[in-house]
Every structure is written in C-alpha cells, then in structure tokens.
All heavy atoms as atom14 arrays in JSON, in Angstrom:
{
  "sequence": "DVKPFDSHASNAWILLFPNGGCSTKEVFEELNLEVGKQPNAKSAEA",
  "atom14_mask": [
    [1, 1, 1, 1, 1, 1, 1, 1, 0, 0, 0, 0, 0, 0],
    [1, 1, 1, 1, 1, 1, 1, 0, 0, 0, 0, 0, 0, 0],
    [1, 1, 1, 1, 1, 1, 1, 1, 1, 0, 0, 0, 0, 0],
    [1, 1, 1, 1, 1, 1, 1, 0, 0, 0, 0, 0, 0, 0],
    [1, 1, 1, 1, 1, 1, 1, 1, 1, 1, 1, 0, 0, 0],
    [1, 1, 1, 1, 1, 1, 1, 1, 0, 0, 0, 0, 0, 0],
    [1, 1, 1, 1, 1, 1, 0, 0, 0, 0, 0, 0, 0, 0],
    [1, 1, 1, 1, 1, 1, 1, 1, 1, 1, 0, 0, 0, 0],
    [1, 1, 1, 1, 1, 0, 0, 0, 0, 0, 0, 0, 0, 0],
    [1, 1, 1, 1, 1, 1, 0, 0, 0, 0, 0, 0, 0, 0],
    [1, 1, 1, 1, 1, 1, 1, 1, 0, 0, 0, 0, 0, 0],
    [1, 1, 1, 1, 1, 0, 0, 0, 0, 0, 0, 0, 0, 0],
    [1, 1, 1, 1, 1, 1, 1, 1, 1, 1, 1, 1, 1, 1],
    [1, 1, 1, 1, 1, 1, 1, 1, 0, 0, 0, 0, 0, 0],
    [1, 1, 1, 1, 1, 1, 1, 1, 0, 0, 0, 0, 0, 0],
    [1, 1, 1, 1, 1, 1, 1, 1, 0, 0, 0, 0, 0, 0],
    [1, 1, 1, 1, 1, 1, 1, 1, 1, 1, 1, 0, 0, 0],
    [1, 1, 1, 1, 1, 1, 1, 0, 0, 0, 0, 0, 0, 0],
    [1, 1, 1, 1, 1, 1, 1, 1, 0, 0, 0, 0, 0, 0],
    [1, 1, 1, 1, 0, 0, 0, 0, 0, 0, 0, 0, 0, 0],
    [1, 1, 1, 1, 0, 0, 0, 0, 0, 0, 0, 0, 0, 0],
    [1, 1, 1, 1, 1, 1, 0, 0, 0, 0, 0, 0, 0, 0],
    [1, 1, 1, 1, 1, 1, 0, 0, 0, 0, 0, 0, 0, 0],
    [1, 1, 1, 1, 1, 1, 1, 0, 0, 0, 0, 0, 0, 0],
    [1, 1, 1, 1, 1, 1, 1, 1, 1, 0, 0, 0, 0, 0],
    [1, 1, 1, 1, 1, 1, 1, 1, 1, 0, 0, 0, 0, 0],
    [1, 1, 1, 1, 1, 1, 1, 0, 0, 0, 0, 0, 0, 0],
    [1, 1, 1, 1, 1, 1, 1, 1, 1, 1, 1, 0, 0, 0],
    [1, 1, 1, 1, 1, 1, 1, 1, 1, 0, 0, 0, 0, 0],
    [1, 1, 1, 1, 1, 1, 1, 1, 1, 0, 0, 0, 0, 0],
    [1, 1, 1, 1, 1, 1, 1, 1, 0, 0, 0, 0, 0, 0],
    [1, 1, 1, 1, 1, 1, 1, 1, 0, 0, 0, 0, 0, 0],
    [1, 1, 1, 1, 1, 1, 1, 1, 0, 0, 0, 0, 0, 0],
    [1, 1, 1, 1, 1, 1, 1, 1, 1, 0, 0, 0, 0, 0],
    [1, 1, 1, 1, 1, 1, 1, 0, 0, 0, 0, 0, 0, 0],
    [1, 1, 1, 1, 0, 0, 0, 0, 0, 0, 0, 0, 0, 0],
    [1, 1, 1, 1, 1, 1, 1, 1, 1, 0, 0, 0, 0, 0],
    [1, 1, 1, 1, 1, 1, 1, 1, 1, 0, 0, 0, 0, 0],
    [1, 1, 1, 1, 1, 1, 1, 0, 0, 0, 0, 0, 0, 0],
    [1, 1, 1, 1, 1, 1, 1, 1, 0, 0, 0, 0, 0, 0],
    [1, 1, 1, 1, 1, 0, 0, 0, 0, 0, 0, 0, 0, 0],
    [1, 1, 1, 1, 1, 1, 1, 1, 1, 0, 0, 0, 0, 0],
    [1, 1, 1, 1, 1, 1, 0, 0, 0, 0, 0, 0, 0, 0],
    [1, 1, 1, 1, 1, 0, 0, 0, 0, 0, 0, 0, 0, 0],
    [1, 1, 1, 1, 1, 1, 1, 1, 1, 0, 0, 0, 0, 0],
    [1, 1, 1, 1, 1, 0, 0, 0, 0, 0, 0, 0, 0, 0]
  ],
  "atom14_positions": [
    [[97.37, 85.56, 99.75], [97.99, 84.29, 99.36], [99.49, 84.44, 99.62], [100.21, 85.11, 98.88], [97.72, 84.0, 97.89], [98.28, 82.66, 97.45], [98.65, 81.86, 98.33], [98.37, 82.42, 96.24], [0.0, 0.0, 0.0], [0.0, 0.0, 0.0], [0.0, 0.0, 0.0], [0.0, 0.0, 0.0], [0.0, 0.0, 0.0], [0.0, 0.0, 0.0]],
    [[99.96, 83.81, 100.69], [101.3, 84.06, 101.23], [102.22, 82.87, 100.97], [101.91, 81.74, 101.36], [101.23, 84.34, 102.75], [102.61, 84.62, 103.32], [100.28, 85.51, 103.03], [0.0, 0.0, 0.0], [0.0, 0.0, 0.0], [0.0, 0.0, 0.0], [0.0, 0.0, 0.0], [0.0, 0.0, 0.0], [0.0, 0.0, 0.0], [0.0, 0.0, 0.0]],
    [[103.35, 83.13, 100.31], [104.34, 82.09, 100.04], [105.67, 82.51, 100.66], [106.42, 83.28, 100.05], [104.48, 81.86, 98.54], [103.21, 81.36, 97.86], [103.44, 81.16, 96.37], [102.19, 80.59, 95.7], [101.04, 81.54, 95.76], [0.0, 0.0, 0.0], [0.0, 0.0, 0.0], [0.0, 0.0, 0.0], [0.0, 0.0, 0.0], [0.0, 0.0, 0.0]],
    [[105.98, 82.02, 101.86], [107.23, 82.42, 102.52], [108.45, 81.94, 101.74], [108.41, 80.93, 101.03], [107.15, 81.72, 103.88], [105.71, 81.39, 104.07], [105.18, 81.13, 102.69], [0.0, 0.0, 0.0], [0.0, 0.0, 0.0], [0.0, 0.0, 0.0], [0.0, 0.0, 0.0], [0.0, 0.0, 0.0], [0.0, 0.0, 0.0], [0.0, 0.0, 0.0]],
    [[109.54, 82.67, 101.85], [110.81, 82.22, 101.3], [111.9, 82.56, 102.31], [111.77, 83.48, 103.11], [111.09, 82.84, 99.93], [111.25, 84.34, 99.93], [112.49, 84.93, 100.13], [110.15, 85.17, 99.72], [112.64, 86.32, 100.14], [110.29, 86.55, 99.72], [111.54, 87.12, 99.92], [0.0, 0.0, 0.0], [0.0, 0.0, 0.0], [0.0, 0.0, 0.0]],
    [[112.98, 81.82, 102.23], [114.08, 81.97, 103.19], [115.09, 82.97, 102.62], [115.94, 82.62, 101.81], [114.75, 80.61, 103.43], [115.81, 80.68, 104.51], [115.93, 81.74, 105.15], [116.53, 79.68, 104.7], [0.0, 0.0, 0.0], [0.0, 0.0, 0.0], [0.0, 0.0, 0.0], [0.0, 0.0, 0.0], [0.0, 0.0, 0.0], [0.0, 0.0, 0.0]],
    [[114.96, 84.23, 103.04], [115.86, 85.27, 102.55], [117.17, 85.26, 103.33], [117.17, 85.19, 104.55], [115.19, 86.65, 102.69], [116.13, 87.67, 102.43], [0.0, 0.0, 0.0], [0.0, 0.0, 0.0], [0.0, 0.0, 0.0], [0.0, 0.0, 0.0], [0.0, 0.0, 0.0], [0.0, 0.0, 0.0], [0.0, 0.0, 0.0], [0.0, 0.0, 0.0]],
    [[118.28, 85.37, 102.6], [119.6, 85.39, 103.23], [120.18, 86.8, 103.26], [121.32, 86.98, 103.68], [120.55, 84.45, 102.48], [120.08, 83.03, 102.43], [120.06, 82.2, 103.52], [119.57, 82.3, 101.4], [119.6, 81.01, 103.18], [119.28, 81.04, 101.9], [0.0, 0.0, 0.0], [0.0, 0.0, 0.0], [0.0, 0.0, 0.0], [0.0, 0.0, 0.0]],
    [[119.43, 87.79, 102.81], [119.95, 89.15, 102.73], [120.27, 89.68, 104.12], [119.5, 89.52, 105.06], [118.96, 90.06, 102.03], [0.0, 0.0, 0.0], [0.0, 0.0, 0.0], [0.0, 0.0, 0.0], [0.0, 0.0, 0.0], [0.0, 0.0, 0.0], [0.0, 0.0, 0.0], [0.0, 0.0, 0.0], [0.0, 0.0, 0.0], [0.0, 0.0, 0.0]],
    [[121.41, 90.34, 104.24], [121.85, 90.88, 105.53], [121.86, 92.4, 105.53], [122.36, 93.0, 106.48], [123.24, 90.35, 105.87], [124.19, 90.73, 104.88], [0.0, 0.0, 0.0], [0.0, 0.0, 0.0], [0.0, 0.0, 0.0], [0.0, 0.0, 0.0], [0.0, 0.0, 0.0], [0.0, 0.0, 0.0], [0.0, 0.0, 0.0], [0.0, 0.0, 0.0]],
    [[121.34, 93.01, 104.47], [121.36, 94.47, 104.41], [120.33, 95.08, 105.35], [119.4, 94.41, 105.81], [121.08, 94.95, 102.98], [119.71, 94.54, 102.49], [119.47, 93.38, 102.19], [118.79, 95.5, 102.43], [0.0, 0.0, 0.0], [0.0, 0.0, 0.0], [0.0, 0.0, 0.0], [0.0, 0.0, 0.0], [0.0, 0.0, 0.0], [0.0, 0.0, 0.0]],
    [[120.5, 96.36, 105.64], [119.52, 97.12, 106.42], [118.61, 97.89, 105.48], [118.85, 97.96, 104.27], [120.24, 98.08, 107.37], [0.0, 0.0, 0.0], [0.0, 0.0, 0.0], [0.0, 0.0, 0.0], [0.0, 0.0, 0.0], [0.0, 0.0, 0.0], [0.0, 0.0, 0.0], [0.0, 0.0, 0.0], [0.0, 0.0, 0.0], [0.0, 0.0, 0.0]],
    [[117.55, 98.45, 106.05], [116.6, 99.25, 105.28], [116.4, 100.56, 106.03], [115.94, 100.56, 107.16], [115.27, 98.52, 105.13], [115.4, 97.15, 104.53], [115.61, 95.98, 105.2], [115.34, 96.8, 103.14], [115.67, 94.92, 104.32], [115.52, 95.4, 103.05], [115.16, 97.55, 101.97], [115.53, 94.72, 101.84], [115.16, 96.87, 100.76], [115.34, 95.48, 100.69]],
    [[116.76, 101.66, 105.42], [116.58, 102.96, 106.03], [115.17, 103.45, 105.73], [114.76, 103.52, 104.57], [117.59, 103.99, 105.51], [119.02, 103.48, 105.7], [117.4, 105.34, 106.21], [119.45, 103.33, 107.12], [0.0, 0.0, 0.0], [0.0, 0.0, 0.0], [0.0, 0.0, 0.0], [0.0, 0.0, 0.0], [0.0, 0.0, 0.0], [0.0, 0.0, 0.0]],
    [[114.41, 103.78, 106.77], [113.03, 104.25, 106.62], [112.97, 105.74, 106.9], [113.44, 106.21, 107.93], [112.1, 103.52, 107.6], [112.21, 101.99, 107.66], [111.17, 101.43, 108.65], [112.04, 101.36, 106.3], [0.0, 0.0, 0.0], [0.0, 0.0, 0.0], [0.0, 0.0, 0.0], [0.0, 0.0, 0.0], [0.0, 0.0, 0.0], [0.0, 0.0, 0.0]],
    [[112.39, 106.48, 105.97], [112.19, 107.91, 106.14], [110.69, 108.18, 106.21], [109.94, 107.73, 105.34], [112.81, 108.7, 104.98], [114.33, 108.61, 104.8], [114.7, 107.5, 103.84], [114.88, 109.94, 104.28], [0.0, 0.0, 0.0], [0.0, 0.0, 0.0], [0.0, 0.0, 0.0], [0.0, 0.0, 0.0], [0.0, 0.0, 0.0], [0.0, 0.0, 0.0]],
    [[110.28, 108.93, 107.22], [108.86, 109.16, 107.46], [108.49, 110.6, 107.11], [108.76, 111.52, 107.89], [108.51, 108.88, 108.92], [108.95, 107.53, 109.4], [109.75, 107.41, 110.52], [108.56, 106.38, 108.74], [110.15, 106.17, 110.97], [108.95, 105.13, 109.18], [109.75, 105.02, 110.3], [0.0, 0.0, 0.0], [0.0, 0.0, 0.0], [0.0, 0.0, 0.0]],
    [[107.89, 110.84, 105.95], [107.43, 112.2, 105.61], [106.42, 112.69, 106.64], [105.78, 111.89, 107.33], [106.77, 112.02, 104.24], [107.34, 110.76, 103.69], [107.59, 109.88, 104.88], [0.0, 0.0, 0.0], [0.0, 0.0, 0.0], [0.0, 0.0, 0.0], [0.0, 0.0, 0.0], [0.0, 0.0, 0.0], [0.0, 0.0, 0.0], [0.0, 0.0, 0.0]],
    [[106.24, 114.0, 106.71], [105.3, 114.57, 107.68], [103.85, 114.25, 107.35], [102.97, 114.38, 108.19], [105.48, 116.09, 107.76], [106.77, 116.46, 108.46], [107.2, 115.79, 109.38], [107.41, 117.52, 108.0], [0.0, 0.0, 0.0], [0.0, 0.0, 0.0], [0.0, 0.0, 0.0], [0.0, 0.0, 0.0], [0.0, 0.0, 0.0], [0.0, 0.0, 0.0]],
    [[103.58, 113.84, 106.12], [102.21, 113.5, 105.73], [102.05, 112.03, 105.46], [102.95, 111.37, 104.93], [0.0, 0.0, 0.0], [0.0, 0.0, 0.0], [0.0, 0.0, 0.0], [0.0, 0.0, 0.0], [0.0, 0.0, 0.0], [0.0, 0.0, 0.0], [0.0, 0.0, 0.0], [0.0, 0.0, 0.0], [0.0, 0.0, 0.0], [0.0, 0.0, 0.0]],
    [[100.91, 111.48, 105.83], [100.59, 110.1, 105.53], [99.83, 110.0, 104.21], [99.42, 111.0, 103.63], [0.0, 0.0, 0.0], [0.0, 0.0, 0.0], [0.0, 0.0, 0.0], [0.0, 0.0, 0.0], [0.0, 0.0, 0.0], [0.0, 0.0, 0.0], [0.0, 0.0, 0.0], [0.0, 0.0, 0.0], [0.0, 0.0, 0.0], [0.0, 0.0, 0.0]],
    [[99.65, 108.78, 103.73], [98.94, 108.53, 102.47], [97.67, 107.73, 102.75], [97.68, 106.78, 103.54], [99.81, 107.75, 101.5], [101.18, 108.68, 100.79], [0.0, 0.0, 0.0], [0.0, 0.0, 0.0], [0.0, 0.0, 0.0], [0.0, 0.0, 0.0], [0.0, 0.0, 0.0], [0.0, 0.0, 0.0], [0.0, 0.0, 0.0], [0.0, 0.0, 0.0]],
    [[96.6, 108.08, 102.07], [95.37, 107.3, 102.1], [95.48, 106.18, 101.08], [95.64, 106.44, 99.88], [94.17, 108.19, 101.77], [93.05, 107.41, 101.41], [0.0, 0.0, 0.0], [0.0, 0.0, 0.0], [0.0, 0.0, 0.0], [0.0, 0.0, 0.0], [0.0, 0.0, 0.0], [0.0, 0.0, 0.0], [0.0, 0.0, 0.0], [0.0, 0.0, 0.0]],
    [[95.42, 104.93, 101.55], [95.5, 103.79, 100.63], [94.41, 103.88, 99.56], [94.66, 103.64, 98.37], [95.36, 102.48, 101.41], [96.44, 102.37, 102.34], [95.38, 101.28, 100.48], [0.0, 0.0, 0.0], [0.0, 0.0, 0.0], [0.0, 0.0, 0.0], [0.0, 0.0, 0.0], [0.0, 0.0, 0.0], [0.0, 0.0, 0.0], [0.0, 0.0, 0.0]],
    [[93.21, 104.24, 99.96], [92.08, 104.35, 99.03], [92.4, 105.37, 97.93], [92.19, 105.1, 96.74], [90.82, 104.74, 99.78], [89.57, 104.89, 98.93], [88.37, 105.18, 99.8], [87.08, 105.29, 98.99], [87.08, 106.49, 98.11], [0.0, 0.0, 0.0], [0.0, 0.0, 0.0], [0.0, 0.0, 0.0], [0.0, 0.0, 0.0], [0.0, 0.0, 0.0]],
    [[92.9, 106.53, 98.3], [93.18, 107.58, 97.33], [94.32, 107.19, 96.4], [94.29, 107.5, 95.2], [93.5, 108.88, 98.05], [92.3, 109.5, 98.74], [92.63, 110.82, 99.41], [93.8, 111.26, 99.31], [91.73, 111.42, 100.02], [0.0, 0.0, 0.0], [0.0, 0.0, 0.0], [0.0, 0.0, 0.0], [0.0, 0.0, 0.0], [0.0, 0.0, 0.0]],
    [[95.35, 106.54, 96.92], [96.48, 106.13, 96.09], [96.03, 105.12, 95.04], [96.41, 105.22, 93.86], [97.62, 105.57, 96.96], [98.71, 104.93, 96.09], [98.22, 106.66, 97.82], [0.0, 0.0, 0.0], [0.0, 0.0, 0.0], [0.0, 0.0, 0.0], [0.0, 0.0, 0.0], [0.0, 0.0, 0.0], [0.0, 0.0, 0.0], [0.0, 0.0, 0.0]],
    [[95.19, 104.17, 95.43], [94.7, 103.19, 94.46], [93.74, 103.84, 93.46], [93.72, 103.47, 92.28], [94.04, 102.01, 95.17], [94.99, 100.91, 95.54], [95.51, 100.85, 96.83], [95.37, 99.96, 94.62], [96.39, 99.84, 97.19], [96.25, 98.96, 94.97], [96.77, 98.89, 96.25], [0.0, 0.0, 0.0], [0.0, 0.0, 0.0], [0.0, 0.0, 0.0]],
    [[92.94, 104.78, 93.92], [92.06, 105.49, 92.99], [92.87, 106.22, 91.92], [92.5, 106.24, 90.75], [91.19, 106.49, 93.75], [90.06, 105.87, 94.54], [89.3, 106.89, 95.38], [89.79, 108.04, 95.5], [88.23, 106.54, 95.92], [0.0, 0.0, 0.0], [0.0, 0.0, 0.0], [0.0, 0.0, 0.0], [0.0, 0.0, 0.0], [0.0, 0.0, 0.0]],
    [[93.96, 106.81, 92.3], [94.84, 107.5, 91.36], [95.44, 106.55, 90.35], [95.7, 106.9, 89.2], [95.96, 108.22, 92.13], [96.9, 109.03, 91.27], [96.27, 110.3, 90.72], [95.29, 110.8, 91.32], [96.74, 110.78, 89.68], [0.0, 0.0, 0.0], [0.0, 0.0, 0.0], [0.0, 0.0, 0.0], [0.0, 0.0, 0.0], [0.0, 0.0, 0.0]],
    [[95.64, 105.3, 90.76], [96.28, 104.31, 89.91], [95.32, 103.66, 88.92], [95.75, 103.18, 87.86], [96.91, 103.21, 90.78], [97.6, 102.04, 90.07], [98.95, 102.49, 89.52], [97.77, 100.87, 91.02], [0.0, 0.0, 0.0], [0.0, 0.0, 0.0], [0.0, 0.0, 0.0], [0.0, 0.0, 0.0], [0.0, 0.0, 0.0], [0.0, 0.0, 0.0]],
    [[94.02, 103.64, 89.19], [93.08, 102.78, 88.48], [93.16, 102.87, 86.96], [93.04, 101.88, 86.26], [91.65, 103.07, 88.94], [91.31, 102.35, 90.23], [91.94, 101.37, 90.57], [90.34, 102.87, 90.96], [0.0, 0.0, 0.0], [0.0, 0.0, 0.0], [0.0, 0.0, 0.0], [0.0, 0.0, 0.0], [0.0, 0.0, 0.0], [0.0, 0.0, 0.0]],
    [[93.35, 104.07, 86.42], [93.38, 104.22, 84.97], [94.63, 103.61, 84.34], [94.69, 103.41, 83.14], [93.28, 105.71, 84.6], [91.97, 106.39, 84.97], [92.03, 107.88, 84.6], [90.78, 105.73, 84.29], [0.0, 0.0, 0.0], [0.0, 0.0, 0.0], [0.0, 0.0, 0.0], [0.0, 0.0, 0.0], [0.0, 0.0, 0.0], [0.0, 0.0, 0.0]],
    [[95.62, 103.3, 85.17], [96.89, 102.8, 84.65], [97.05, 101.3, 84.82], [97.98, 100.71, 84.26], [98.04, 103.52, 85.36], [97.98, 105.04, 85.27], [98.99, 105.7, 86.19], [99.79, 104.97, 86.82], [98.98, 106.93, 86.3], [0.0, 0.0, 0.0], [0.0, 0.0, 0.0], [0.0, 0.0, 0.0], [0.0, 0.0, 0.0], [0.0, 0.0, 0.0]],
    [[96.2, 100.67, 85.63], [96.38, 99.26, 85.94], [96.39, 98.42, 84.67], [95.5, 98.52, 83.82], [95.27, 98.76, 86.89], [95.34, 97.24, 87.04], [95.41, 99.43, 88.24], [0.0, 0.0, 0.0], [0.0, 0.0, 0.0], [0.0, 0.0, 0.0], [0.0, 0.0, 0.0], [0.0, 0.0, 0.0], [0.0, 0.0, 0.0], [0.0, 0.0, 0.0]],
    [[97.41, 97.56, 84.54], [97.5, 96.64, 83.41], [97.98, 97.26, 82.12], [98.09, 96.57, 81.11], [0.0, 0.0, 0.0], [0.0, 0.0, 0.0], [0.0, 0.0, 0.0], [0.0, 0.0, 0.0], [0.0, 0.0, 0.0], [0.0, 0.0, 0.0], [0.0, 0.0, 0.0], [0.0, 0.0, 0.0], [0.0, 0.0, 0.0], [0.0, 0.0, 0.0]],
    [[98.29, 98.56, 82.1], [98.67, 99.23, 80.86], [100.16, 99.55, 80.78], [100.63, 100.03, 79.75], [97.87, 100.52, 80.69], [96.37, 100.3, 80.57], [95.62, 101.61, 80.37], [94.12, 101.37, 80.24], [93.37, 102.64, 80.06], [0.0, 0.0, 0.0], [0.0, 0.0, 0.0], [0.0, 0.0, 0.0], [0.0, 0.0, 0.0], [0.0, 0.0, 0.0]],
    [[100.9, 99.29, 81.87], [102.3, 99.67, 81.89], [103.19, 98.44, 81.9], [103.09, 97.61, 82.8], [102.58, 100.53, 83.14], [101.75, 101.79, 83.19], [101.68, 102.34, 84.61], [101.35, 101.62, 85.54], [101.95, 103.62, 84.77], [0.0, 0.0, 0.0], [0.0, 0.0, 0.0], [0.0, 0.0, 0.0], [0.0, 0.0, 0.0], [0.0, 0.0, 0.0]],
    [[104.05, 98.28, 80.91], [104.97, 97.14, 80.94], [105.96, 97.3, 82.08], [106.33, 98.4, 82.46], [105.67, 97.23, 79.57], [105.57, 98.67, 79.19], [104.25, 99.15, 79.74], [0.0, 0.0, 0.0], [0.0, 0.0, 0.0], [0.0, 0.0, 0.0], [0.0, 0.0, 0.0], [0.0, 0.0, 0.0], [0.0, 0.0, 0.0], [0.0, 0.0, 0.0]],
    [[106.39, 96.18, 82.63], [107.31, 96.21, 83.76], [108.4, 95.18, 83.55], [108.14, 93.98, 83.51], [106.57, 95.93, 85.07], [107.47, 96.05, 86.28], [108.59, 96.53, 86.19], [106.98, 95.6, 87.42], [0.0, 0.0, 0.0], [0.0, 0.0, 0.0], [0.0, 0.0, 0.0], [0.0, 0.0, 0.0], [0.0, 0.0, 0.0], [0.0, 0.0, 0.0]],
    [[109.64, 95.66, 83.43], [110.76, 94.76, 83.22], [111.23, 94.13, 84.53], [112.0, 93.17, 84.53], [111.92, 95.51, 82.57], [0.0, 0.0, 0.0], [0.0, 0.0, 0.0], [0.0, 0.0, 0.0], [0.0, 0.0, 0.0], [0.0, 0.0, 0.0], [0.0, 0.0, 0.0], [0.0, 0.0, 0.0], [0.0, 0.0, 0.0], [0.0, 0.0, 0.0]],
    [[110.76, 94.67, 85.66], [111.18, 94.15, 86.95], [110.17, 93.12, 87.44], [109.02, 93.1, 87.02], [111.34, 95.28, 87.95], [112.41, 96.28, 87.53], [112.69, 97.31, 88.62], [113.81, 98.24, 88.2], [114.2, 99.19, 89.27], [0.0, 0.0, 0.0], [0.0, 0.0, 0.0], [0.0, 0.0, 0.0], [0.0, 0.0, 0.0], [0.0, 0.0, 0.0]],
    [[110.59, 92.27, 88.37], [109.72, 91.19, 88.81], [110.0, 90.82, 90.26], [111.08, 91.08, 90.8], [109.94, 89.95, 87.93], [111.24, 89.42, 88.15], [0.0, 0.0, 0.0], [0.0, 0.0, 0.0], [0.0, 0.0, 0.0], [0.0, 0.0, 0.0], [0.0, 0.0, 0.0], [0.0, 0.0, 0.0], [0.0, 0.0, 0.0], [0.0, 0.0, 0.0]],
    [[109.0, 90.18, 90.87], [109.18, 89.66, 92.22], [110.27, 88.61, 92.25], [111.04, 88.52, 93.22], [107.86, 89.08, 92.73], [0.0, 0.0, 0.0], [0.0, 0.0, 0.0], [0.0, 0.0, 0.0], [0.0, 0.0, 0.0], [0.0, 0.0, 0.0], [0.0, 0.0, 0.0], [0.0, 0.0, 0.0], [0.0, 0.0, 0.0], [0.0, 0.0, 0.0]],
    [[110.36, 87.8, 91.19], [111.38, 86.76, 91.14], [112.78, 87.35, 91.22], [113.67, 86.81, 91.9], [111.25, 85.94, 89.86], [110.05, 85.02, 89.8], [108.82, 85.7, 89.2], [108.85, 86.95, 89.07], [107.85, 84.98, 88.88], [0.0, 0.0, 0.0], [0.0, 0.0, 0.0], [0.0, 0.0, 0.0], [0.0, 0.0, 0.0], [0.0, 0.0, 0.0]],
    [[112.98, 88.49, 90.56], [114.3, 89.12, 90.57], [114.67, 89.62, 91.96], [115.82, 89.49, 92.4], [114.34, 90.27, 89.56], [0.0, 0.0, 0.0], [0.0, 0.0, 0.0], [0.0, 0.0, 0.0], [0.0, 0.0, 0.0], [0.0, 0.0, 0.0], [0.0, 0.0, 0.0], [0.0, 0.0, 0.0], [0.0, 0.0, 0.0], [0.0, 0.0, 0.0]]
  ]
}
C-alpha cells in the first residue's frame, strides 16, 4: 500500500556494505517474539 510524498530533502545517504548479507526470513523470525510489544516514540510522520 504505497502513498507517495514529495520529499524536499537534499541530503545524501552513505551506504556501507558489510561482507555478509542478511536473510529476510531469518531476521523476521528473530523478531517474531517482540512484535507489538515494544513502545516506539518515533514515527513515519516525523
């Protein structure tokens, strides 16, 4: 569900590539016990 917005940010993004990749499946499996249990003061709106 995609909602485009017009970003005016002019900053760059430095990307660092570790020698190892991550398995999306394994990362989400590691997260499952924590989903919905952690408060988050940060937001997409911010």
